[in-house]
Amino acid sequence: MVEIPSDKEIHDNVVAFFVPEKPLEKGREYLFEYTINWFKNQNPVKQSVAKVISTHTGVGGVSGEPRGDLIKFVIDFRGKELNQISNVADLTPKVEASVGDIKDVVVIKNPLTGGYRLVFDFKPASDLSELRASLWQEDKLLSEVWSYQWLR
């Protein structure tokens, strides 16, 4: 699946493609069949990793201090794998941006959700950046990978 940047909601900007095992022959007809599953609350594919349950954005930096152009991201994760973690120090957040800087990454226990909250500031360096974040314990992925396309 590919997401193509678009500035208008009217443009179809999510497409799917595949690469066939054998090259297609010119002039021959091919019929393809596929199924797309949409779900609201229950993922039909069982996952053992924690899910992202919410994403919030706002003004970055520390309240009351000059902020420049920092953007604050707050991501809540919850799930079975994270329930086994009793000490936040056992979690390693991995946060990256295709363009721009990630600053002040913090993970805290969220008593309201029973999961963990990842907070960081993003300093843009262009009009578009692909952001990704996940929670790890040593070399084991504990959460799904949060993916966000930031546009100025």
Protein backbone atom coordinates (compact mmCIF):
# COMPACT_ATOMS: atom_id res chain seq x y z
CA MET A 1 0.00 0.00 0.00
CA VAL A 2 1.29 3.45 -0.90
CA GLU A 3 0.15 6.86 0.33
CA ILE A 4 0.78 9.70 -2.11
CA PRO A 5 0.92 13.22 -0.61
CA SER A 6 -2.15 15.26 -1.49
CA ASP A 7 -3.36 18.67 -0.35
CA LYS A 8 -7.03 18.01 -1.18
CA GLU A 9 -9.38 15.40 0.21
CA ILE A 10 -10.97 14.89 -3.23
CA HIS A 11 -7.85 13.20 -4.65
CA ASP A 12 -7.47 9.44 -4.30
CA ASN A 13 -4.05 9.22 -2.72
CA VAL A 14 -3.91 5.71 -1.27
CA VAL A 15 -3.18 2.97 -3.77
CA ALA A 16 -2.27 -0.70 -3.62
CA PHE A 17 0.02 -2.52 -5.99
CA PHE A 18 1.74 -5.87 -6.31
CA VAL A 19 4.55 -7.40 -8.29
CA PRO A 20 3.50 -10.64 -10.05
CA GLU A 21 5.71 -13.73 -9.86
CA LYS A 22 5.99 -13.82 -13.67
CA PRO A 23 6.12 -10.72 -15.90
CA LEU A 24 2.84 -9.89 -17.61
CA GLU A 25 2.67 -10.39 -21.37
CA LYS A 26 1.78 -7.46 -23.59
CA GLY A 27 -1.65 -7.67 -25.26
CA ARG A 28 -2.98 -10.46 -23.01
CA GLU A 29 -6.01 -10.03 -20.74
CA TYR A 30 -5.56 -10.63 -17.01
CA LEU A 31 -8.25 -10.81 -14.36
CA PHE A 32 -7.42 -10.05 -10.74
CA GLU A 33 -9.48 -10.43 -7.60
CA TYR A 34 -8.85 -8.91 -4.21
CA THR A 35 -10.59 -8.19 -0.94
CA ILE A 36 -10.33 -5.04 1.14
CA ASN A 37 -11.31 -5.27 4.80
CA TRP A 38 -12.34 -2.16 6.71
CA PHE A 39 -12.83 -2.27 10.42
CA LYS A 40 -13.64 0.28 13.05
CA ASN A 41 -12.74 -1.19 16.42
CA GLN A 42 -11.68 -4.79 16.04
CA ASN A 43 -8.72 -5.73 13.85
CA PRO A 44 -9.49 -9.08 12.16
CA VAL A 45 -5.78 -9.95 12.33
CA LYS A 46 -4.66 -10.99 15.81
CA GLN A 47 -1.71 -8.96 17.02
CA SER A 48 0.44 -9.66 20.02
CA VAL A 49 1.92 -6.16 20.00
CA ALA A 50 0.32 -3.15 21.66
CA LYS A 51 -1.84 -0.88 19.52
CA VAL A 52 -1.89 2.87 19.14
CA ILE A 53 -5.12 4.01 20.77
CA SER A 54 -4.75 7.78 20.33
CA THR A 55 -2.58 10.48 18.81
CA HIS A 56 -2.59 14.13 19.87
CA THR A 57 -0.63 17.10 18.56
CA GLY A 58 -0.08 20.59 19.86
CA VAL A 59 2.42 23.35 20.44
CA GLY A 60 5.81 21.89 21.34
CA GLY A 61 8.41 22.87 23.89
CA VAL A 62 7.92 23.85 27.50
CA SER A 63 4.90 25.94 28.41
CA GLY A 64 5.81 29.58 29.05
CA GLU A 65 9.11 29.44 27.15
CA PRO A 66 9.88 30.41 23.54
CA ARG A 67 9.02 27.42 21.37
CA GLY A 68 10.22 28.21 17.89
CA ASP A 69 8.42 25.91 15.49
CA LEU A 70 8.30 22.79 17.69
CA ILE A 71 5.28 20.49 17.43
CA LYS A 72 4.36 18.24 20.36
CA PHE A 73 3.19 14.67 19.64
CA VAL A 74 1.51 12.52 22.29
CA ILE A 75 0.83 8.89 21.37
CA ASP A 76 -0.93 6.39 23.62
CA PHE A 77 -0.18 2.66 23.30
CA ARG A 78 -2.09 -0.14 25.02
CA GLY A 79 -1.94 -3.91 24.74
CA LYS A 80 -0.96 -7.30 26.06
CA GLU A 81 2.78 -6.97 25.45
CA LEU A 82 2.95 -3.70 27.38
CA ASN A 83 0.96 -5.14 30.29
CA GLN A 84 4.00 -7.30 31.10
CA ILE A 85 6.16 -4.20 31.62
CA SER A 86 6.12 -2.88 35.18
CA ASN A 87 9.03 -0.45 34.91
CA VAL A 88 9.00 2.30 32.30
CA ALA A 89 12.81 2.16 32.25
CA ASP A 90 12.48 -1.24 30.53
CA LEU A 91 10.95 0.45 27.48
CA THR A 92 12.97 1.96 24.67
CA PRO A 93 11.14 4.38 22.38
CA LYS A 94 12.26 4.55 18.77
CA VAL A 95 11.17 7.76 17.08
CA GLU A 96 12.38 8.97 13.70
CA ALA A 97 11.60 11.58 11.09
CA SER A 98 12.51 11.41 7.41
CA VAL A 99 13.26 15.15 7.56
CA GLY A 100 13.56 17.28 10.69
CA ASP A 101 14.64 16.66 14.28
CA ILE A 102 13.08 14.68 17.11
CA LYS A 103 13.63 16.15 20.58
CA ASP A 104 12.78 15.44 24.22
CA VAL A 105 11.44 11.87 23.83
CA VAL A 106 9.72 10.62 27.00
CA VAL A 107 7.70 7.48 27.84
CA ILE A 108 5.41 7.47 30.86
CA LYS A 109 2.84 5.07 32.30
CA ASN A 110 -0.70 6.30 31.57
CA PRO A 111 -2.90 5.35 34.54
CA LEU A 112 -6.07 6.33 32.66
CA THR A 113 -5.56 3.81 29.84
CA GLY A 114 -3.39 1.25 31.61
CA GLY A 115 -0.89 1.59 28.78
CA TYR A 116 2.07 3.81 28.05
CA ARG A 117 2.29 7.30 26.60
CA LEU A 118 5.05 8.43 24.24
CA VAL A 119 5.69 12.18 24.10
CA PHE A 120 8.15 14.01 21.85
CA ASP A 121 8.77 17.30 20.08
CA PHE A 122 9.30 17.51 16.35
CA LYS A 123 11.23 20.37 14.72
CA PRO A 124 10.35 20.48 11.00
CA ALA A 125 13.05 21.12 8.42
CA SER A 126 10.82 21.06 5.32
CA ASP A 127 7.16 21.06 4.32
CA LEU A 128 6.82 17.26 4.49
CA SER A 129 8.16 14.60 6.83
CA GLU A 130 7.31 10.96 7.52
CA LEU A 131 7.31 10.28 11.25
CA ARG A 132 7.50 6.80 12.83
CA ALA A 133 7.45 5.68 16.45
CA SER A 134 7.37 2.40 18.35
CA LEU A 135 8.10 0.94 21.78
CA TRP A 136 10.74 -1.75 22.30
CA GLN A 137 12.21 -3.86 25.07
CA GLU A 138 15.81 -4.50 24.10
CA ASP A 139 15.49 -6.05 20.58
CA LYS A 140 11.81 -7.03 20.91
CA LEU A 141 9.11 -4.86 19.32
CA LEU A 142 6.29 -4.36 21.85
CA SER A 143 4.02 -2.03 19.89
CA GLU A 144 2.79 -1.55 16.39
CA VAL A 145 4.66 1.13 14.46
CA TRP A 146 2.89 4.48 14.54
CA SER A 147 3.24 6.24 11.19
CA TYR A 148 2.33 9.87 10.54
CA GLN A 149 2.70 12.05 7.47
CA TRP A 150 3.36 15.59 8.65
CA LEU A 151 2.57 18.42 6.22
CA ARG A 152 3.21 22.11 6.86
